[in-house]
Protein backbone atom coordinates (compact mmCIF):
# COMPACT_ATOMS: atom_id res chain seq x y z
CA MET A 1 52.38 0.42 -76.90
CA ALA A 2 48.92 1.56 -78.01
CA THR A 3 45.93 0.77 -75.81
CA ILE A 4 42.81 -0.67 -77.38
CA LYS A 5 39.92 1.71 -76.72
CA GLN A 6 37.33 -0.46 -78.39
CA ARG A 7 37.93 -3.91 -79.81
CA ILE A 8 35.50 -3.72 -82.74
CA THR A 9 34.85 -0.50 -84.65
CA PRO A 10 32.27 -0.29 -87.45
CA PHE A 11 33.86 1.16 -90.60
CA LEU A 12 31.32 2.67 -93.01
CA TRP A 13 32.07 3.31 -96.69
CA PHE A 14 30.59 6.44 -98.28
CA ASP A 15 30.89 8.01 -101.70
CA GLY A 16 31.80 11.65 -101.09
CA ARG A 17 29.50 12.02 -98.08
CA ALA A 18 31.44 10.67 -95.09
CA GLU A 19 31.75 14.03 -93.34
CA GLU A 20 28.10 14.91 -94.03
CA ALA A 21 26.96 11.53 -92.71
CA ALA A 22 29.10 11.69 -89.56
CA LYS A 23 27.86 15.22 -88.77
CA PHE A 24 24.27 14.09 -89.30
CA TYR A 25 24.60 11.02 -87.08
CA VAL A 26 26.23 12.96 -84.20
CA SER A 27 23.37 15.47 -84.40
CA VAL A 28 20.82 12.67 -83.92
CA PHE A 29 22.33 10.81 -80.96
CA PRO A 30 23.14 12.27 -77.52
CA ASN A 31 26.68 12.03 -76.14
CA SER A 32 28.07 12.02 -79.67
CA LYS A 33 30.93 13.86 -81.34
CA ILE A 34 33.37 14.02 -84.21
CA VAL A 35 36.70 12.76 -82.85
CA GLY A 36 38.97 13.39 -85.82
CA MET A 37 39.26 13.66 -89.56
CA SER A 38 41.92 12.76 -92.10
CA HIS A 39 42.27 14.01 -95.67
CA TYR A 40 43.63 12.56 -98.89
CA ASP A 41 47.07 13.82 -99.84
CA GLU A 42 48.49 13.72 -103.38
CA ALA A 43 49.63 10.08 -103.13
CA THR A 44 46.57 8.62 -101.42
CA ALA A 45 44.16 10.69 -103.54
CA THR A 46 45.65 9.36 -106.77
CA ALA A 47 45.53 5.77 -105.54
CA ALA A 48 41.92 6.13 -104.36
CA GLY A 49 40.67 8.27 -107.23
CA ARG A 50 39.63 11.04 -104.83
CA PRO A 51 40.50 14.76 -104.97
CA PRO A 52 43.59 15.80 -102.95
CA GLY A 53 42.54 17.56 -99.75
CA SER A 54 39.13 15.88 -99.65
CA VAL A 55 37.99 13.99 -96.56
CA MET A 56 39.31 10.45 -96.34
CA THR A 57 38.07 9.33 -92.90
CA VAL A 58 35.96 10.75 -90.11
CA VAL A 59 36.24 9.16 -86.69
CA PHE A 60 33.11 9.80 -84.65
CA GLN A 61 31.26 8.54 -81.61
CA LEU A 62 27.56 7.81 -81.31
CA ASP A 63 26.57 7.67 -77.66
CA GLY A 64 30.10 6.54 -76.82
CA GLN A 65 30.36 3.93 -79.63
CA GLU A 66 33.22 4.76 -81.98
CA LEU A 67 32.75 4.43 -85.74
CA VAL A 68 34.75 5.45 -88.79
CA ALA A 69 33.29 6.89 -91.99
CA LEU A 70 35.47 6.46 -95.08
CA ASP A 71 35.01 8.47 -98.25
CA GLY A 72 36.08 5.60 -100.46
CA GLY A 73 34.22 6.34 -103.68
CA PRO A 74 31.42 4.60 -105.55
CA ASN A 75 32.81 1.05 -105.41
CA PHE A 76 30.64 -0.25 -102.55
CA LYS A 77 27.09 0.44 -101.36
CA PHE A 78 25.27 -0.35 -98.13
CA THR A 79 22.80 -3.25 -98.11
CA GLU A 80 20.28 -4.48 -95.55
CA ALA A 81 22.68 -7.34 -94.78
CA VAL A 82 24.31 -5.05 -92.20
CA SER A 83 22.34 -2.70 -89.97
CA PHE A 84 22.48 -0.87 -86.68
CA VAL A 85 19.92 -1.42 -83.93
CA VAL A 86 18.84 1.51 -81.78
CA ASN A 87 17.40 0.24 -78.47
CA CYS A 88 14.92 2.74 -77.05
CA GLU A 89 13.56 3.07 -73.51
CA SER A 90 10.41 4.98 -74.46
CA GLN A 91 8.01 5.71 -77.30
CA ALA A 92 9.37 9.26 -77.36
CA GLU A 93 12.85 7.88 -78.11
CA ILE A 94 11.47 5.62 -80.83
CA ASP A 95 9.61 8.57 -82.34
CA HIS A 96 12.74 10.79 -82.22
CA TYR A 97 15.13 8.30 -83.82
CA TRP A 98 12.54 7.13 -86.36
CA LYS A 99 11.79 10.66 -87.53
CA ALA A 100 15.44 11.75 -87.67
CA LEU A 101 16.90 8.65 -89.29
CA SER A 102 14.11 8.06 -91.82
CA ALA A 103 14.09 11.71 -93.04
CA GLY A 104 15.15 11.60 -96.67
CA GLY A 105 15.38 7.81 -96.48
CA GLN A 106 12.81 5.06 -96.51
CA GLU A 107 10.57 3.57 -93.84
CA VAL A 108 10.59 -0.18 -94.26
CA GLN A 109 8.86 -2.72 -92.00
CA CYS A 110 9.10 -4.12 -88.47
CA GLY A 111 11.04 -1.18 -87.08
CA TRP A 112 13.48 -1.07 -90.01
CA LEU A 113 14.38 2.00 -92.02
CA THR A 114 17.04 3.07 -94.47
CA ASP A 115 18.49 6.52 -93.90
CA ARG A 116 19.32 9.07 -96.61
CA PHE A 117 22.83 7.63 -96.94
CA GLY A 118 21.53 4.10 -97.56
CA LEU A 119 22.44 2.71 -94.12
CA SER A 120 19.86 0.39 -92.52
CA TRP A 121 18.67 0.86 -88.95
CA GLN A 122 16.26 -0.96 -86.64
CA VAL A 123 14.60 1.32 -84.10
CA VAL A 124 13.19 -0.94 -81.40
CA PRO A 125 11.93 -0.72 -77.83
CA ALA A 126 14.33 -2.22 -75.29
CA ILE A 127 11.39 -4.24 -73.94
CA LEU A 128 10.98 -6.11 -77.25
CA GLU A 129 13.37 -8.92 -76.34
CA GLU A 130 11.57 -9.48 -73.01
CA LEU A 131 8.20 -9.59 -74.79
CA LEU A 132 9.50 -12.08 -77.34
CA LEU A 133 10.81 -14.33 -74.57
CA SER A 134 7.56 -14.28 -72.57
CA GLY A 135 6.41 -17.66 -73.83
CA PRO A 136 5.31 -18.99 -77.21
CA ASP A 137 1.79 -17.52 -77.21
CA LYS A 138 2.91 -14.02 -76.23
CA SER A 139 5.88 -14.21 -78.60
CA ARG A 140 3.59 -15.16 -81.51
CA ARG A 141 1.20 -12.27 -80.76
CA VAL A 142 4.05 -9.77 -80.40
CA MET A 143 5.64 -10.87 -83.67
CA ALA A 144 2.27 -10.66 -85.43
CA ALA A 145 1.98 -7.07 -84.17
CA VAL A 146 5.56 -6.22 -85.22
CA LEU A 147 4.89 -7.53 -88.73
CA LYS A 148 1.97 -5.11 -89.14
CA MET A 149 4.02 -2.01 -88.25
CA LYS A 150 6.69 0.13 -89.78
CA LYS A 151 7.58 2.30 -86.76
CA LEU A 152 7.10 0.17 -83.65
CA ASP A 153 4.58 1.16 -80.99
CA ILE A 154 5.44 0.01 -77.47
CA GLU A 155 1.85 0.01 -76.17
CA VAL A 156 0.61 -2.08 -79.09
CA LEU A 157 3.41 -4.57 -78.47
CA ARG A 158 2.74 -4.73 -74.71
CA SER A 159 -0.96 -5.33 -75.25
CA ALA A 160 -0.43 -7.97 -77.95
């Protein structure tokens, strides 16, 4: 009987770039690695419209969180309706993840960005939740500060 390692695993659909994306993501996050890779054979390639021998799935871990990248073709694209949140302990972490993930992508607003593969991320300080729960006046000031920023600045949020 198989043991469940992780109950919920994000499964990300790419168009010919699953391996590239997985390698990029594991280069950005510590304690990350490629776990395994599968390839299309003649039967599955024909059914999926992909070249035989090309990458089908890449199983990878980002800081211990397992994900799967699927090279499924052009049928589906990422939208902002689903995103990943990166909780950061320091401004240096925010700066690192912001720079790496937004490179070739798009900086959005309020700590949001879209990476070069079209996946949406929120890069936020871990203290943000505490600041937002510090009472209605503080929460209002913090949110007003968040709305003025793209990349979040911890000191600006603390002093809001």
